[in-house]
Amino acid sequence: MPMRDVKIPIDEIYVPTKRRQTLDAEKVQALALDILENGQQTPIWVRRDEARYVLVEGLHRLEACRTLGERTITALLVQARRF
């Protein structure tokens, strides 16, 4: 199944605790300024879970958009790998 870009509500994205610990506030601020000037150039990656989206890649972009007061974000919906 091909991956596709979708607009999803930021409030529906779950950020795993381990990933949240890597957050760099300075990087978020720099990205927020860039997004303000140029728009979101690269989608975040999420996968679908039971009732929500789970962040796979793009923590700083997600937080930058949240900082800017965005309600939705462009995301690439990817499939969870099964081992």
PDB file of N, CA and C in Angstrom:
ATOM      1  N   MET A   1       0.841  -1.178   0.000  1.00  0.00           N
ATOM      2  CA  MET A   1       0.000   0.000   0.000  1.00  0.00           C
ATOM      3  C   MET A   1       0.893   1.252   0.000  1.00  0.00           C
ATOM      4  N   PRO A   2       0.683   2.174  -0.932  1.00  0.00           N
ATOM      5  CA  PRO A   2       1.534   3.363  -0.982  1.00  0.00           C
ATOM      6  C   PRO A   2       1.265   4.314   0.182  1.00  0.00           C
ATOM      7  N   MET A   3       2.316   5.058   0.546  1.00  0.00           N
ATOM      8  CA  MET A   3       2.165   6.054   1.594  1.00  0.00           C
ATOM      9  C   MET A   3       1.503   7.280   0.983  1.00  0.00           C
ATOM     10  N   ARG A   4       0.757   8.036   1.796  1.00  0.00           N
ATOM     11  CA  ARG A   4       0.100   9.219   1.262  1.00  0.00           C
ATOM     12  C   ARG A   4       0.065  10.332   2.296  1.00  0.00           C
ATOM     13  N   ASP A   5       0.098  11.571   1.781  1.00  0.00           N
ATOM     14  CA  ASP A   5       0.003  12.750   2.648  1.00  0.00           C
ATOM     15  C   ASP A   5      -1.444  12.985   3.040  1.00  0.00           C
ATOM     16  N   VAL A   6      -1.665  13.286   4.307  1.00  0.00           N
ATOM     17  CA  VAL A   6      -2.999  13.629   4.797  1.00  0.00           C
ATOM     18  C   VAL A   6      -2.878  14.800   5.767  1.00  0.00           C
ATOM     19  N   LYS A   7      -3.944  15.556   5.931  1.00  0.00           N
ATOM     20  CA  LYS A   7      -4.017  16.611   6.948  1.00  0.00           C
ATOM     21  C   LYS A   7      -4.726  15.984   8.144  1.00  0.00           C
ATOM     22  N   ILE A   8      -4.072  16.017   9.291  1.00  0.00           N
ATOM     23  CA  ILE A   8      -4.701  15.428  10.474  1.00  0.00           C
ATOM     24  C   ILE A   8      -4.673  16.418  11.637  1.00  0.00           C
ATOM     25  N   PRO A   9      -5.654  16.293  12.541  1.00  0.00           N
ATOM     26  CA  PRO A   9      -5.679  17.170  13.719  1.00  0.00           C
ATOM     27  C   PRO A   9      -4.486  16.868  14.639  1.00  0.00           C
ATOM     28  N   ILE A  10      -3.798  17.915  15.034  1.00  0.00           N
ATOM     29  CA  ILE A  10      -2.642  17.770  15.921  1.00  0.00           C
ATOM     30  C   ILE A  10      -3.040  17.102  17.234  1.00  0.00           C
ATOM     31  N   ASP A  11      -4.240  17.389  17.718  1.00  0.00           N
ATOM     32  CA  ASP A  11      -4.701  16.811  18.991  1.00  0.00           C
ATOM     33  C   ASP A  11      -4.879  15.296  18.943  1.00  0.00           C
ATOM     34  N   GLU A  12      -4.925  14.719  17.746  1.00  0.00           N
ATOM     35  CA  GLU A  12      -5.131  13.272  17.621  1.00  0.00           C
ATOM     36  C   GLU A  12      -3.813  12.503  17.484  1.00  0.00           C
ATOM     37  N   ILE A  13      -2.681  13.207  17.657  1.00  0.00           N
ATOM     38  CA  ILE A  13      -1.375  12.557  17.504  1.00  0.00           C
ATOM     39  C   ILE A  13      -0.781  12.246  18.871  1.00  0.00           C
ATOM     40  N   TYR A  14      -0.491  10.981  19.082  1.00  0.00           N
ATOM     41  CA  TYR A  14       0.158  10.546  20.320  1.00  0.00           C
ATOM     42  C   TYR A  14       1.668  10.517  20.103  1.00  0.00           C
ATOM     43  N   VAL A  15       2.397  11.130  21.014  1.00  0.00           N
ATOM     44  CA  VAL A  15       3.862  11.117  20.957  1.00  0.00           C
ATOM     45  C   VAL A  15       4.367  10.165  22.039  1.00  0.00           C
ATOM     46  N   PRO A  16       5.017   9.066  21.643  1.00  0.00           N
ATOM     47  CA  PRO A  16       5.544   8.125  22.643  1.00  0.00           C
ATOM     48  C   PRO A  16       6.499   8.826  23.616  1.00  0.00           C
ATOM     49  N   THR A  17       6.455   8.436  24.879  1.00  0.00           N
ATOM     50  CA  THR A  17       7.252   9.060  25.930  1.00  0.00           C
ATOM     51  C   THR A  17       8.731   9.087  25.593  1.00  0.00           C
ATOM     52  N   LYS A  18       9.256   7.997  25.084  1.00  0.00           N
ATOM     53  CA  LYS A  18      10.678   7.916  24.754  1.00  0.00           C
ATOM     54  C   LYS A  18      11.050   8.970  23.710  1.00  0.00           C
ATOM     55  N   ARG A  19      10.189   9.162  22.729  1.00  0.00           N
ATOM     56  CA  ARG A  19      10.442  10.155  21.680  1.00  0.00           C
ATOM     57  C   ARG A  19      10.335  11.563  22.249  1.00  0.00           C
ATOM     58  N   ARG A  20       9.392  11.793  23.146  1.00  0.00           N
ATOM     59  CA  ARG A  20       9.168  13.113  23.743  1.00  0.00           C
ATOM     60  C   ARG A  20      10.401  13.594  24.506  1.00  0.00           C
ATOM     61  N   GLN A  21      11.172  12.658  25.052  1.00  0.00           N
ATOM     62  CA  GLN A  21      12.367  12.998  25.838  1.00  0.00           C
ATOM     63  C   GLN A  21      13.484  13.597  24.981  1.00  0.00           C
ATOM     64  N   THR A  22      13.381  13.485  23.647  1.00  0.00           N
ATOM     65  CA  THR A  22      14.433  14.004  22.763  1.00  0.00           C
ATOM     66  C   THR A  22      14.128  15.424  22.296  1.00  0.00           C
ATOM     67  N   LEU A  23      13.090  16.037  22.832  1.00  0.00           N
ATOM     68  CA  LEU A  23      12.665  17.364  22.387  1.00  0.00           C
ATOM     69  C   LEU A  23      13.696  18.440  22.728  1.00  0.00           C
ATOM     70  N   ASP A  24      14.026  19.274  21.736  1.00  0.00           N
ATOM     71  CA  ASP A  24      14.986  20.368  21.877  1.00  0.00           C
ATOM     72  C   ASP A  24      14.242  21.669  21.600  1.00  0.00           C
ATOM     73  N   ALA A  25      14.017  22.464  22.647  1.00  0.00           N
ATOM     74  CA  ALA A  25      13.223  23.690  22.537  1.00  0.00           C
ATOM     75  C   ALA A  25      13.787  24.684  21.517  1.00  0.00           C
ATOM     76  N   GLU A  26      15.100  24.785  21.433  1.00  0.00           N
ATOM     77  CA  GLU A  26      15.713  25.711  20.472  1.00  0.00           C
ATOM     78  C   GLU A  26      15.425  25.282  19.038  1.00  0.00           C
ATOM     79  N   LYS A  27      15.472  23.983  18.803  1.00  0.00           N
ATOM     80  CA  LYS A  27      15.182  23.458  17.468  1.00  0.00           C
ATOM     81  C   LYS A  27      13.710  23.723  17.105  1.00  0.00           C
ATOM     82  N   VAL A  28      12.824  23.579  18.082  1.00  0.00           N
ATOM     83  CA  VAL A  28      11.395  23.848  17.857  1.00  0.00           C
ATOM     84  C   VAL A  28      11.196  25.309  17.462  1.00  0.00           C
ATOM     85  N   GLN A  29      11.846  26.226  18.169  1.00  0.00           N
ATOM     86  CA  GLN A  29      11.714  27.657  17.863  1.00  0.00           C
ATOM     87  C   GLN A  29      12.224  27.979  16.463  1.00  0.00           C
ATOM     88  N   ALA A  30      13.376  27.422  16.098  1.00  0.00           N
ATOM     89  CA  ALA A  30      13.951  27.664  14.771  1.00  0.00           C
ATOM     90  C   ALA A  30      13.027  27.124  13.679  1.00  0.00           C
ATOM     91  N   LEU A  31      12.488  25.942  13.897  1.00  0.00           N
ATOM     92  CA  LEU A  31      11.562  25.361  12.921  1.00  0.00           C
ATOM     93  C   LEU A  31      10.273  26.164  12.832  1.00  0.00           C
ATOM     94  N   ALA A  32       9.781  26.652  13.977  1.00  0.00           N
ATOM     95  CA  ALA A  32       8.554  27.457  13.981  1.00  0.00           C
ATOM     96  C   ALA A  32       8.740  28.697  13.113  1.00  0.00           C
ATOM     97  N   LEU A  33       9.888  29.364  13.240  1.00  0.00           N
ATOM     98  CA  LEU A  33      10.168  30.537  12.411  1.00  0.00           C
ATOM     99  C   LEU A  33      10.221  30.169  10.936  1.00  0.00           C
ATOM    100  N   ASP A  34      10.865  29.047  10.618  1.00  0.00           N
ATOM    101  CA  ASP A  34      10.965  28.604   9.235  1.00  0.00           C
ATOM    102  C   ASP A  34       9.581  28.259   8.663  1.00  0.00           C
ATOM    103  N   ILE A  35       8.766  27.575   9.443  1.00  0.00           N
ATOM    104  CA  ILE A  35       7.416  27.211   8.995  1.00  0.00           C
ATOM    105  C   ILE A  35       6.575  28.466   8.811  1.00  0.00           C
ATOM    106  N   LEU A  36       6.746  29.433   9.689  1.00  0.00           N
ATOM    107  CA  LEU A  36       6.023  30.703   9.577  1.00  0.00           C
ATOM    108  C   LEU A  36       6.367  31.402   8.261  1.00  0.00           C
ATOM    109  N   GLU A  37       7.632  31.374   7.884  1.00  0.00           N
ATOM    110  CA  GLU A  37       8.083  32.043   6.664  1.00  0.00           C
ATOM    111  C   GLU A  37       7.817  31.238   5.393  1.00  0.00           C
ATOM    112  N   ASN A  38       7.998  29.923   5.451  1.00  0.00           N
ATOM    113  CA  ASN A  38       7.959  29.092   4.244  1.00  0.00           C
ATOM    114  C   ASN A  38       6.867  28.038   4.203  1.00  0.00           C
ATOM    115  N   GLY A  39       6.124  27.883   5.298  1.00  0.00           N
ATOM    116  CA  GLY A  39       5.126  26.816   5.358  1.00  0.00           C
ATOM    117  C   GLY A  39       5.802  25.496   5.712  1.00  0.00           C
ATOM    118  N   GLN A  40       4.994  24.502   5.999  1.00  0.00           N
ATOM    119  CA  GLN A  40       5.530  23.181   6.339  1.00  0.00           C
ATOM    120  C   GLN A  40       5.980  22.499   5.050  1.00  0.00           C
ATOM    121  N   GLN A  41       7.271  22.311   4.889  1.00  0.00           N
ATOM    122  CA  GLN A  41       7.832  21.737   3.668  1.00  0.00           C
ATOM    123  C   GLN A  41       7.865  20.206   3.680  1.00  0.00           C
ATOM    124  N   THR A  42       8.079  19.631   4.854  1.00  0.00           N
ATOM    125  CA  THR A  42       8.226  18.181   4.974  1.00  0.00           C
ATOM    126  C   THR A  42       7.165  17.637   5.919  1.00  0.00           C
ATOM    127  N   PRO A  43       6.371  16.659   5.469  1.00  0.00           N
ATOM    128  CA  PRO A  43       5.353  16.095   6.357  1.00  0.00           C
ATOM    129  C   PRO A  43       5.982  15.283   7.493  1.00  0.00           C
ATOM    130  N   ILE A  44       5.284  15.221   8.603  1.00  0.00           N
ATOM    131  CA  ILE A  44       5.697  14.319   9.681  1.00  0.00           C
ATOM    132  C   ILE A  44       5.244  12.918   9.270  1.00  0.00           C
ATOM    133  N   TRP A  45       5.724  11.890   9.949  1.00  0.00           N
ATOM    134  CA  TRP A  45       5.288  10.518   9.687  1.00  0.00           C
ATOM    135  C   TRP A  45       4.475  10.043  10.878  1.00  0.00           C
ATOM    136  N   VAL A  46       3.318   9.468  10.595  1.00  0.00           N
ATOM    137  CA  VAL A  46       2.481   8.882  11.630  1.00  0.00           C
ATOM    138  C   VAL A  46       1.989   7.519  11.154  1.00  0.00           C
ATOM    139  N   ARG A  47       1.639   6.697  12.105  1.00  0.00           N
ATOM    140  CA  ARG A  47       0.975   5.432  11.785  1.00  0.00           C
ATOM    141  C   ARG A  47      -0.344   5.405  12.531  1.00  0.00           C
ATOM    142  N   ARG A  48      -1.265   4.660  12.012  1.00  0.00           N
ATOM    143  CA  ARG A  48      -2.589   4.570  12.615  1.00  0.00           C
ATOM    144  C   ARG A  48      -2.547   3.525  13.719  1.00  0.00           C
ATOM    145  N   ASP A  49      -3.107   3.871  14.867  1.00  0.00           N
ATOM    146  CA  ASP A  49      -3.255   2.947  15.982  1.00  0.00           C
ATOM    147  C   ASP A  49      -4.756   2.797  16.186  1.00  0.00           C
ATOM    148  N   GLU A  50      -5.175   2.057  17.171  1.00  0.00           N
ATOM    149  CA  GLU A  50      -6.598   1.832  17.416  1.00  0.00           C
ATOM    150  C   GLU A  50      -7.462   3.071  17.161  1.00  0.00           C
ATOM    151  N   ALA A  51      -7.319   4.092  18.002  1.00  0.00           N
ATOM    152  CA  ALA A  51      -8.199   5.267  17.890  1.00  0.00           C
ATOM    153  C   ALA A  51      -7.426   6.560  17.693  1.00  0.00           C
ATOM    154  N   ARG A  52      -6.158   6.454  17.320  1.00  0.00           N
ATOM    155  CA  ARG A  52      -5.341   7.669  17.219  1.00  0.00           C
ATOM    156  C   ARG A  52      -4.223   7.471  16.199  1.00  0.00           C
ATOM    157  N   TYR A  53      -3.455   8.533  16.017  1.00  0.00           N
ATOM    158  CA  TYR A  53      -2.251   8.475  15.202  1.00  0.00           C
ATOM    159  C   TYR A  53      -1.067   8.454  16.160  1.00  0.00           C
ATOM    160  N   VAL A  54      -0.033   7.718  15.814  1.00  0.00           N
ATOM    161  CA  VAL A  54       1.168   7.636  16.635  1.00  0.00           C
ATOM    162  C   VAL A  54       2.314   8.235  15.821  1.00  0.00           C
ATOM    163  N   LEU A  55       3.023   9.180  16.427  1.00  0.00           N
ATOM    164  CA  LEU A  55       4.136   9.822  15.746  1.00  0.00           C
ATOM    165  C   LEU A  55       5.265   8.828  15.502  1.00  0.00           C
ATOM    166  N   VAL A  56       5.739   8.780  14.265  1.00  0.00           N
ATOM    167  CA  VAL A  56       6.870   7.927  13.910  1.00  0.00           C
ATOM    168  C   VAL A  56       8.108   8.798  13.707  1.00  0.00           C
ATOM    169  N   GLU A  57       7.946   9.939  13.027  1.00  0.00           N
ATOM    170  CA  GLU A  57       9.063  10.831  12.725  1.00  0.00           C
ATOM    171  C   GLU A  57       8.540  12.256  12.603  1.00  0.00           C
ATOM    172  N   GLY A  58       9.287  13.235  13.161  1.00  0.00           N
ATOM    173  CA  GLY A  58       8.906  14.631  12.992  1.00  0.00           C
ATOM    174  C   GLY A  58       8.470  15.341  14.261  1.00  0.00           C
ATOM    175  N   LEU A  59       9.021  14.925  15.391  1.00  0.00           N
ATOM    176  CA  LEU A  59       8.647  15.528  16.678  1.00  0.00           C
ATOM    177  C   LEU A  59       8.810  17.045  16.677  1.00  0.00           C
ATOM    178  N   HIS A  60       9.934  17.546  16.190  1.00  0.00           N
ATOM    179  CA  HIS A  60      10.187  18.986  16.239  1.00  0.00           C
ATOM    180  C   HIS A  60       9.261  19.752  15.301  1.00  0.00           C
ATOM    181  N   ARG A  61       8.949  19.176  14.132  1.00  0.00           N
ATOM    182  CA  ARG A  61       7.985  19.822  13.230  1.00  0.00           C
ATOM    183  C   ARG A  61       6.597  19.869  13.866  1.00  0.00           C
ATOM    184  N   LEU A  62       6.210  18.772  14.517  1.00  0.00           N
ATOM    185  CA  LEU A  62       4.916  18.718  15.195  1.00  0.00           C
ATOM    186  C   LEU A  62       4.834  19.789  16.276  1.00  0.00           C
ATOM    187  N   GLU A  63       5.855  19.876  17.111  1.00  0.00           N
ATOM    188  CA  GLU A  63       5.848  20.848  18.203  1.00  0.00           C
ATOM    189  C   GLU A  63       5.934  22.279  17.680  1.00  0.00           C
ATOM    190  N   ALA A  64       6.656  22.489  16.567  1.00  0.00           N
ATOM    191  CA  ALA A  64       6.730  23.828  15.970  1.00  0.00           C
ATOM    192  C   ALA A  64       5.349  24.259  15.484  1.00  0.00           C
ATOM    193  N   CYS A  65       4.629  23.364  14.832  1.00  0.00           N
ATOM    194  CA  CYS A  65       3.274  23.690  14.361  1.00  0.00           C
ATOM    195  C   CYS A  65       2.337  23.935  15.542  1.00  0.00           C
ATOM    196  N   ARG A  66       2.488  23.136  16.594  1.00  0.00           N
ATOM    197  CA  ARG A  66       1.670  23.330  17.805  1.00  0.00           C
ATOM    198  C   ARG A  66       1.968  24.709  18.412  1.00  0.00           C
ATOM    199  N   THR A  67       3.248  25.090  18.457  1.00  0.00           N
ATOM    200  CA  THR A  67       3.663  26.393  18.975  1.00  0.00           C
ATOM    201  C   THR A  67       3.036  27.534  18.184  1.00  0.00           C
ATOM    202  N   LEU A  68       2.914  27.339  16.876  1.00  0.00           N
ATOM    203  CA  LEU A  68       2.328  28.366  16.011  1.00  0.00           C
ATOM    204  C   LEU A  68       0.802  28.416  16.093  1.00  0.00           C
ATOM    205  N   GLY A  69       0.218  27.502  16.869  1.00  0.00           N
ATOM    206  CA  GLY A  69      -1.237  27.493  17.030  1.00  0.00           C
ATOM    207  C   GLY A  69      -1.982  26.760  15.927  1.00  0.00           C
ATOM    208  N   GLU A  70      -1.242  25.984  15.136  1.00  0.00           N
ATOM    209  CA  GLU A  70      -1.894  25.209  14.072  1.00  0.00           C
ATOM    210  C   GLU A  70      -2.790  24.136  14.689  1.00  0.00           C
ATOM    211  N   ARG A  71      -3.896  23.858  14.031  1.00  0.00           N
ATOM    212  CA  ARG A  71      -4.801  22.806  14.503  1.00  0.00           C
ATOM    213  C   ARG A  71      -4.604  21.510  13.744  1.00  0.00           C
ATOM    214  N   THR A  72      -4.100  21.621  12.495  1.00  0.00           N
ATOM    215  CA  THR A  72      -3.841  20.418  11.690  1.00  0.00           C
ATOM    216  C   THR A  72      -2.398  20.469  11.198  1.00  0.00           C
ATOM    217  N   ILE A  73      -1.928  19.311  10.745  1.00  0.00           N
ATOM    218  CA  ILE A  73      -0.561  19.206  10.232  1.00  0.00           C
ATOM    219  C   ILE A  73      -0.557  18.215   9.072  1.00  0.00           C
ATOM    220  N   THR A  74       0.328  18.466   8.113  1.00  0.00           N
ATOM    221  CA  THR A  74       0.477  17.532   7.001  1.00  0.00           C
ATOM    222  C   THR A  74       1.331  16.367   7.473  1.00  0.00           C
ATOM    223  N   ALA A  75       0.813  15.169   7.248  1.00  0.00           N
ATOM    224  CA  ALA A  75       1.513  13.971   7.707  1.00  0.00           C
ATOM    225  C   ALA A  75       1.510  12.913   6.612  1.00  0.00           C
ATOM    226  N   LEU A  76       2.512  12.076   6.668  1.00  0.00           N
ATOM    227  CA  LEU A  76       2.590  10.927   5.786  1.00  0.00           C
ATOM    228  C   LEU A  76       2.114   9.752   6.605  1.00  0.00           C
ATOM    229  N   LEU A  77       1.065   9.101   6.132  1.00  0.00           N
ATOM    230  CA  LEU A  77       0.502   7.948   6.838  1.00  0.00           C
ATOM    231  C   LEU A  77       1.268   6.712   6.399  1.00  0.00           C
ATOM    232  N   VAL A  78       1.995   6.108   7.330  1.00  0.00           N
ATOM    233  CA  VAL A  78       2.817   4.937   7.001  1.00  0.00           C
ATOM    234  C   VAL A  78       2.258   3.706   7.691  1.00  0.00           C
ATOM    235  N   GLN A  79       2.614   2.566   7.161  1.00  0.00           N
ATOM    236  CA  GLN A  79       2.170   1.309   7.740  1.00  0.00           C
ATOM    237  C   GLN A  79       3.149   0.858   8.820  1.00  0.00           C
ATOM    238  N   ALA A  80       2.633   0.343   9.912  1.00  0.00           N
ATOM    239  CA  ALA A  80       3.497  -0.203  10.968  1.00  0.00           C
ATOM    240  C   ALA A  80       4.117  -1.480  10.425  1.00  0.00           C
ATOM    241  N   ARG A  81       5.395  -1.670  10.693  1.00  0.00           N
ATOM    242  CA  ARG A  81       6.056  -2.894  10.247  1.00  0.00           C
ATOM    243  C   ARG A  81       5.702  -4.022  11.186  1.00  0.00           C
ATOM    244  N   ARG A  82       5.418  -5.149  10.622  1.00  0.00           N
ATOM    245  CA  ARG A  82       5.115  -6.354  11.413  1.00  0.00           C
ATOM    246  C   ARG A  82       6.325  -7.282  11.349  1.00  0.00           C
ATOM    247  N   PHE A  83       6.776  -7.748  12.507  1.00  0.00           N
ATOM    248  CA  PHE A  83       7.945  -8.642  12.531  1.00  0.00           C
ATOM    249  C   PHE A  83       7.523 -10.034  12.886  1.00  0.00           C
TER     250      PHE A  83
END
